[in-house]
PDB file of N, CA and C in Angstrom:
ATOM      1  N   UNK A   1       0.839  -1.167   0.000  1.00  0.00           N
ATOM      2  CA  UNK A   1       0.000   0.000   0.000  1.00  0.00           C
ATOM      3  C   UNK A   1       0.893   1.242   0.000  1.00  0.00           C
ATOM      4  N   UNK A   2       0.626   2.152  -0.917  1.00  0.00           N
ATOM      5  CA  UNK A   2       1.400   3.380  -1.027  1.00  0.00           C
ATOM      6  C   UNK A   2       0.599   4.571  -0.544  1.00  0.00           C
ATOM      7  N   UNK A   3       1.309   5.537  -0.006  1.00  0.00           N
ATOM      8  CA  UNK A   3       0.698   6.790   0.425  1.00  0.00           C
ATOM      9  C   UNK A   3       1.017   7.836  -0.633  1.00  0.00           C
ATOM     10  N   UNK A   4      -0.009   8.479  -1.138  1.00  0.00           N
ATOM     11  CA  UNK A   4       0.190   9.537  -2.138  1.00  0.00           C
ATOM     12  C   UNK A   4       0.511  10.847  -1.407  1.00  0.00           C
ATOM     13  N   UNK A   5       1.723  10.902  -0.881  1.00  0.00           N
ATOM     14  CA  UNK A   5       2.124  12.026  -0.030  1.00  0.00           C
ATOM     15  C   UNK A   5       2.177  13.340  -0.800  1.00  0.00           C
ATOM     16  N   UNK A   6       2.602  13.297  -2.051  1.00  0.00           N
ATOM     17  CA  UNK A   6       2.689  14.541  -2.831  1.00  0.00           C
ATOM     18  C   UNK A   6       1.300  15.114  -3.088  1.00  0.00           C
ATOM     19  N   UNK A   7       0.312  14.249  -3.288  1.00  0.00           N
ATOM     20  CA  UNK A   7      -1.069  14.719  -3.454  1.00  0.00           C
ATOM     21  C   UNK A   7      -1.559  15.349  -2.149  1.00  0.00           C
ATOM     22  N   UNK A   8      -1.214  14.721  -1.018  1.00  0.00           N
ATOM     23  CA  UNK A   8      -1.596  15.260   0.283  1.00  0.00           C
ATOM     24  C   UNK A   8      -0.987  16.650   0.477  1.00  0.00           C
ATOM     25  N   UNK A   9       0.283  16.792   0.169  1.00  0.00           N
ATOM     26  CA  UNK A   9       0.951  18.087   0.304  1.00  0.00           C
ATOM     27  C   UNK A   9       0.276  19.129  -0.585  1.00  0.00           C
ATOM     28  N   UNK A  10       0.027  18.764  -1.815  1.00  0.00           N
ATOM     29  CA  UNK A  10      -0.596  19.682  -2.763  1.00  0.00           C
ATOM     30  C   UNK A  10      -1.990  20.106  -2.298  1.00  0.00           C
ATOM     31  N   UNK A  11      -2.782  19.151  -1.852  1.00  0.00           N
ATOM     32  CA  UNK A  11      -4.143  19.451  -1.397  1.00  0.00           C
ATOM     33  C   UNK A  11      -4.163  20.358  -0.168  1.00  0.00           C
ATOM     34  N   UNK A  12      -3.079  20.366   0.595  1.00  0.00           N
ATOM     35  CA  UNK A  12      -3.004  21.207   1.793  1.00  0.00           C
ATOM     36  C   UNK A  12      -2.083  22.422   1.600  1.00  0.00           C
ATOM     37  N   UNK A  13      -1.737  22.689   0.353  1.00  0.00           N
ATOM     38  CA  UNK A  13      -0.873  23.835   0.019  1.00  0.00           C
ATOM     39  C   UNK A  13       0.417  23.835   0.833  1.00  0.00           C
ATOM     40  N   UNK A  14       1.024  22.657   0.956  1.00  0.00           N
ATOM     41  CA  UNK A  14       2.282  22.514   1.677  1.00  0.00           C
ATOM     42  C   UNK A  14       3.404  22.157   0.724  1.00  0.00           C
ATOM     43  N   UNK A  15       4.591  22.581   1.072  1.00  0.00           N
ATOM     44  CA  UNK A  15       5.791  22.131   0.371  1.00  0.00           C
ATOM     45  C   UNK A  15       6.619  21.308   1.345  1.00  0.00           C
ATOM     46  N   UNK A  16       7.554  20.568   0.823  1.00  0.00           N
ATOM     47  CA  UNK A  16       8.438  19.794   1.690  1.00  0.00           C
ATOM     48  C   UNK A  16       9.205  20.740   2.603  1.00  0.00           C
ATOM     49  N   UNK A  17       9.628  21.872   2.076  1.00  0.00           N
ATOM     50  CA  UNK A  17      10.353  22.855   2.882  1.00  0.00           C
ATOM     51  C   UNK A  17       9.490  23.329   4.057  1.00  0.00           C
ATOM     52  N   UNK A  18       8.227  23.638   3.790  1.00  0.00           N
ATOM     53  CA  UNK A  18       7.324  24.102   4.841  1.00  0.00           C
ATOM     54  C   UNK A  18       7.123  23.038   5.906  1.00  0.00           C
ATOM     55  N   UNK A  19       6.936  21.798   5.479  1.00  0.00           N
ATOM     56  CA  UNK A  19       6.750  20.702   6.436  1.00  0.00           C
ATOM     57  C   UNK A  19       7.993  20.557   7.307  1.00  0.00           C
ATOM     58  N   UNK A  20       9.162  20.611   6.694  1.00  0.00           N
ATOM     59  CA  UNK A  20      10.408  20.484   7.453  1.00  0.00           C
ATOM     60  C   UNK A  20      10.564  21.637   8.443  1.00  0.00           C
ATOM     61  N   UNK A  21      10.332  22.839   7.982  1.00  0.00           N
ATOM     62  CA  UNK A  21      10.510  24.020   8.833  1.00  0.00           C
ATOM     63  C   UNK A  21       9.505  24.030   9.997  1.00  0.00           C
ATOM     64  N   UNK A  22       8.227  23.860   9.706  1.00  0.00           N
ATOM     65  CA  UNK A  22       7.206  23.883  10.759  1.00  0.00           C
ATOM     66  C   UNK A  22       7.310  22.666  11.671  1.00  0.00           C
ATOM     67  N   UNK A  23       7.748  21.546  11.088  1.00  0.00           N
ATOM     68  CA  UNK A  23       7.845  20.314  11.871  1.00  0.00           C
ATOM     69  C   UNK A  23       9.092  20.233  12.729  1.00  0.00           C
ATOM     70  N   UNK A  24      10.077  21.091  12.439  1.00  0.00           N
ATOM     71  CA  UNK A  24      11.300  21.095  13.229  1.00  0.00           C
ATOM     72  C   UNK A  24      12.314  20.043  12.798  1.00  0.00           C
ATOM     73  N   UNK A  25      12.213  19.588  11.567  1.00  0.00           N
ATOM     74  CA  UNK A  25      13.147  18.587  11.042  1.00  0.00           C
ATOM     75  C   UNK A  25      13.944  19.199   9.903  1.00  0.00           C
ATOM     76  N   UNK A  26      15.065  18.580   9.584  1.00  0.00           N
ATOM     77  CA  UNK A  26      15.891  19.059   8.490  1.00  0.00           C
ATOM     78  C   UNK A  26      15.216  18.827   7.143  1.00  0.00           C
ATOM     79  N   UNK A  27      15.414  19.772   6.236  1.00  0.00           N
ATOM     80  CA  UNK A  27      14.815  19.664   4.908  1.00  0.00           C
ATOM     81  C   UNK A  27      15.242  18.381   4.209  1.00  0.00           C
ATOM     82  N   UNK A  28      16.521  18.072   4.263  1.00  0.00           N
ATOM     83  CA  UNK A  28      17.034  16.884   3.571  1.00  0.00           C
ATOM     84  C   UNK A  28      16.383  15.619   4.103  1.00  0.00           C
ATOM     85  N   UNK A  29      16.191  15.537   5.385  1.00  0.00           N
ATOM     86  CA  UNK A  29      15.570  14.364   6.001  1.00  0.00           C
ATOM     87  C   UNK A  29      14.151  14.174   5.483  1.00  0.00           C
ATOM     88  N   UNK A  30      13.359  15.228   5.505  1.00  0.00           N
ATOM     89  CA  UNK A  30      11.969  15.144   5.059  1.00  0.00           C
ATOM     90  C   UNK A  30      11.916  14.924   3.548  1.00  0.00           C
ATOM     91  N   UNK A  31      12.768  15.603   2.811  1.00  0.00           N
ATOM     92  CA  UNK A  31      12.795  15.458   1.352  1.00  0.00           C
ATOM     93  C   UNK A  31      13.078  14.013   0.958  1.00  0.00           C
ATOM     94  N   UNK A  32      14.085  13.419   1.570  1.00  0.00           N
ATOM     95  CA  UNK A  32      14.417  12.025   1.257  1.00  0.00           C
ATOM     96  C   UNK A  32      13.263  11.094   1.601  1.00  0.00           C
ATOM     97  N   UNK A  33      12.634  11.331   2.720  1.00  0.00           N
ATOM     98  CA  UNK A  33      11.544  10.480   3.164  1.00  0.00           C
ATOM     99  C   UNK A  33      10.341  10.580   2.229  1.00  0.00           C
ATOM    100  N   UNK A  34       9.986  11.786   1.813  1.00  0.00           N
ATOM    101  CA  UNK A  34       8.811  11.978   0.975  1.00  0.00           C
ATOM    102  C   UNK A  34       9.068  11.628  -0.488  1.00  0.00           C
ATOM    103  N   UNK A  35      10.325  11.493  -0.886  1.00  0.00           N
ATOM    104  CA  UNK A  35      10.644  11.189  -2.276  1.00  0.00           C
ATOM    105  C   UNK A  35      11.162   9.773  -2.496  1.00  0.00           C
ATOM    106  N   UNK A  36      11.254   8.975  -1.441  1.00  0.00           N
ATOM    107  CA  UNK A  36      11.732   7.596  -1.606  1.00  0.00           C
ATOM    108  C   UNK A  36      10.644   6.742  -2.237  1.00  0.00           C
ATOM    109  N   UNK A  37      11.052   5.693  -2.949  1.00  0.00           N
ATOM    110  CA  UNK A  37      10.035   4.772  -3.457  1.00  0.00           C
ATOM    111  C   UNK A  37       9.523   3.950  -2.295  1.00  0.00           C
ATOM    112  N   UNK A  38       8.244   3.721  -2.305  1.00  0.00           N
ATOM    113  CA  UNK A  38       7.602   3.034  -1.192  1.00  0.00           C
ATOM    114  C   UNK A  38       7.346   1.579  -1.536  1.00  0.00           C
ATOM    115  N   UNK A  39       7.426   0.776  -0.522  1.00  0.00           N
ATOM    116  CA  UNK A  39       7.041  -0.630  -0.623  1.00  0.00           C
ATOM    117  C   UNK A  39       6.219  -0.930   0.623  1.00  0.00           C
ATOM    118  N   UNK A  40       5.855  -2.163   0.797  1.00  0.00           N
ATOM    119  CA  UNK A  40       5.105  -2.529   1.997  1.00  0.00           C
ATOM    120  C   UNK A  40       5.888  -2.179   3.264  1.00  0.00           C
ATOM    121  N   UNK A  41       7.217  -2.231   3.189  1.00  0.00           N
ATOM    122  CA  UNK A  41       8.048  -2.012   4.370  1.00  0.00           C
ATOM    123  C   UNK A  41       8.437  -0.548   4.566  1.00  0.00           C
ATOM    124  N   UNK A  42       8.278   0.281   3.546  1.00  0.00           N
ATOM    125  CA  UNK A  42       8.725   1.671   3.663  1.00  0.00           C
ATOM    126  C   UNK A  42       7.596   2.635   3.362  1.00  0.00           C
ATOM    127  N   UNK A  43       6.766   2.829   4.307  1.00  0.00           N
ATOM    128  CA  UNK A  43       5.723   3.834   4.174  1.00  0.00           C
ATOM    129  C   UNK A  43       6.111   5.011   5.053  1.00  0.00           C
ATOM    130  N   UNK A  44       5.178   5.840   5.411  1.00  0.00           N
ATOM    131  CA  UNK A  44       5.481   6.956   6.298  1.00  0.00           C
ATOM    132  C   UNK A  44       5.861   6.447   7.680  1.00  0.00           C
ATOM    133  N   UNK A  45       6.735   7.177   8.332  1.00  0.00           N
ATOM    134  CA  UNK A  45       7.104   6.812   9.700  1.00  0.00           C
ATOM    135  C   UNK A  45       6.569   7.871  10.665  1.00  0.00           C
ATOM    136  N   UNK A  46       6.810   7.669  11.933  1.00  0.00           N
ATOM    137  CA  UNK A  46       6.295   8.597  12.948  1.00  0.00           C
ATOM    138  C   UNK A  46       6.856   9.999  12.790  1.00  0.00           C
ATOM    139  N   UNK A  47       8.107  10.114  12.396  1.00  0.00           N
ATOM    140  CA  UNK A  47       8.700  11.443  12.190  1.00  0.00           C
ATOM    141  C   UNK A  47       7.947  12.190  11.093  1.00  0.00           C
ATOM    142  N   UNK A  48       7.620  11.493  10.007  1.00  0.00           N
ATOM    143  CA  UNK A  48       6.891  12.124   8.909  1.00  0.00           C
ATOM    144  C   UNK A  48       5.505  12.573   9.365  1.00  0.00           C
ATOM    145  N   UNK A  49       4.811  11.710  10.094  1.00  0.00           N
ATOM    146  CA  UNK A  49       3.490  12.065  10.614  1.00  0.00           C
ATOM    147  C   UNK A  49       3.573  13.252  11.569  1.00  0.00           C
ATOM    148  N   UNK A  50       4.594  13.261  12.413  1.00  0.00           N
ATOM    149  CA  UNK A  50       4.791  14.359  13.350  1.00  0.00           C
ATOM    150  C   UNK A  50       5.014  15.669  12.601  1.00  0.00           C
ATOM    151  N   UNK A  51       5.853  15.645  11.583  1.00  0.00           N
ATOM    152  CA  UNK A  51       6.139  16.852  10.811  1.00  0.00           C
ATOM    153  C   UNK A  51       4.885  17.357  10.102  1.00  0.00           C
ATOM    154  N   UNK A  52       4.119  16.447   9.509  1.00  0.00           N
ATOM    155  CA  UNK A  52       2.873  16.845   8.845  1.00  0.00           C
ATOM    156  C   UNK A  52       1.883  17.419   9.849  1.00  0.00           C
ATOM    157  N   UNK A  53       1.747  16.774  10.996  1.00  0.00           N
ATOM    158  CA  UNK A  53       0.812  17.244  12.014  1.00  0.00           C
ATOM    159  C   UNK A  53       1.185  18.641  12.504  1.00  0.00           C
ATOM    160  N   UNK A  54       2.445  18.855  12.774  1.00  0.00           N
ATOM    161  CA  UNK A  54       2.884  20.174  13.233  1.00  0.00           C
ATOM    162  C   UNK A  54       2.670  21.225  12.148  1.00  0.00           C
ATOM    163  N   UNK A  55       2.861  20.842  10.900  1.00  0.00           N
ATOM    164  CA  UNK A  55       2.687  21.778   9.785  1.00  0.00           C
ATOM    165  C   UNK A  55       1.251  22.244   9.653  1.00  0.00           C
ATOM    166  N   UNK A  56       0.324  21.372  10.013  1.00  0.00           N
ATOM    167  CA  UNK A  56      -1.096  21.680   9.858  1.00  0.00           C
ATOM    168  C   UNK A  56      -1.783  21.998  11.182  1.00  0.00           C
ATOM    169  N   UNK A  57      -1.007  22.009  12.259  1.00  0.00           N
ATOM    170  CA  UNK A  57      -1.551  22.250  13.600  1.00  0.00           C
ATOM    171  C   UNK A  57      -2.651  21.240  13.932  1.00  0.00           C
ATOM    172  N   UNK A  58      -2.348  19.975  13.629  1.00  0.00           N
ATOM    173  CA  UNK A  58      -3.245  18.862  13.914  1.00  0.00           C
ATOM    174  C   UNK A  58      -2.519  17.857  14.791  1.00  0.00           C
ATOM    175  N   UNK A  59      -3.245  16.881  15.283  1.00  0.00           N
ATOM    176  CA  UNK A  59      -2.583  15.781  15.984  1.00  0.00           C
ATOM    177  C   UNK A  59      -2.213  14.711  14.951  1.00  0.00           C
ATOM    178  N   UNK A  60      -1.279  13.872  15.329  1.00  0.00           N
ATOM    179  CA  UNK A  60      -0.806  12.845  14.399  1.00  0.00           C
ATOM    180  C   UNK A  60      -1.930  11.915  13.974  1.00  0.00           C
ATOM    181  N   UNK A  61      -2.830  11.569  14.890  1.00  0.00           N
ATOM    182  CA  UNK A  61      -3.910  10.650  14.527  1.00  0.00           C
ATOM    183  C   UNK A  61      -4.838  11.262  13.495  1.00  0.00           C
ATOM    184  N   UNK A  62      -5.018  12.588  13.538  1.00  0.00           N
ATOM    185  CA  UNK A  62      -5.875  13.248  12.548  1.00  0.00           C
ATOM    186  C   UNK A  62      -5.258  13.172  11.153  1.00  0.00           C
ATOM    187  N   UNK A  63      -3.954  13.371  11.088  1.00  0.00           N
ATOM    188  CA  UNK A  63      -3.253  13.272   9.809  1.00  0.00           C
ATOM    189  C   UNK A  63      -3.323  11.835   9.294  1.00  0.00           C
ATOM    190  N   UNK A  64      -3.047  10.893  10.160  1.00  0.00           N
ATOM    191  CA  UNK A  64      -3.070   9.485   9.758  1.00  0.00           C
ATOM    192  C   UNK A  64      -4.458   9.077   9.268  1.00  0.00           C
ATOM    193  N   UNK A  65      -5.489   9.521   9.951  1.00  0.00           N
ATOM    194  CA  UNK A  65      -6.853   9.188   9.545  1.00  0.00           C
ATOM    195  C   UNK A  65      -7.154   9.756   8.160  1.00  0.00           C
ATOM    196  N   UNK A  66      -6.773  10.998   7.925  1.00  0.00           N
ATOM    197  CA  UNK A  66      -7.011  11.610   6.618  1.00  0.00           C
ATOM    198  C   UNK A  66      -6.218  10.905   5.521  1.00  0.00           C
ATOM    199  N   UNK A  67      -4.979  10.567   5.813  1.00  0.00           N
ATOM    200  CA  UNK A  67      -4.174   9.832   4.835  1.00  0.00           C
ATOM    201  C   UNK A  67      -4.816   8.486   4.510  1.00  0.00           C
ATOM    202  N   UNK A  68      -5.235   7.789   5.551  1.00  0.00           N
ATOM    203  CA  UNK A  68      -5.834   6.467   5.363  1.00  0.00           C
ATOM    204  C   UNK A  68      -7.125   6.543   4.550  1.00  0.00           C
ATOM    205  N   UNK A  69      -7.941   7.539   4.810  1.00  0.00           N
ATOM    206  CA  UNK A  69      -9.222   7.652   4.128  1.00  0.00           C
ATOM    207  C   UNK A  69      -9.114   8.150   2.694  1.00  0.00           C
ATOM    208  N   UNK A  70      -8.080   8.945   2.398  1.00  0.00           N
ATOM    209  CA  UNK A  70      -8.044   9.615   1.088  1.00  0.00           C
ATOM    210  C   UNK A  70      -6.783   9.434   0.257  1.00  0.00           C
ATOM    211  N   UNK A  71      -5.697   8.958   0.856  1.00  0.00           N
ATOM    212  CA  UNK A  71      -4.427   8.989   0.134  1.00  0.00           C
ATOM    213  C   UNK A  71      -3.689   7.658   0.079  1.00  0.00           C
ATOM    214  N   UNK A  72      -4.319   6.583   0.466  1.00  0.00           N
ATOM    215  CA  UNK A  72      -3.708   5.258   0.344  1.00  0.00           C
ATOM    216  C   UNK A  72      -4.127   4.632  -0.971  1.00  0.00           C
ATOM    217  N   UNK A  73      -3.188   3.994  -1.625  1.00  0.00           N
ATOM    218  CA  UNK A  73      -3.487   3.262  -2.861  1.00  0.00           C
ATOM    219  C   UNK A  73      -3.405   1.784  -2.609  1.00  0.00           C
TER     220      UNK A  73
END
């Protein structure tokens, strides 16, 4: 199952830079994570969810729920 993270970012008017800055993580770290090819073993991790949640002023479970409902393939 893949997460369409770029669609999620676009739908929320976010860039990788914004997520990294608001989330408190390095740009390179978030960029690599959001641009890696995904497999069953490499989906989003807690750091990615934390950065997205902080970027949107949401809790991690809210982000995960939205991703699960709308952005999983």
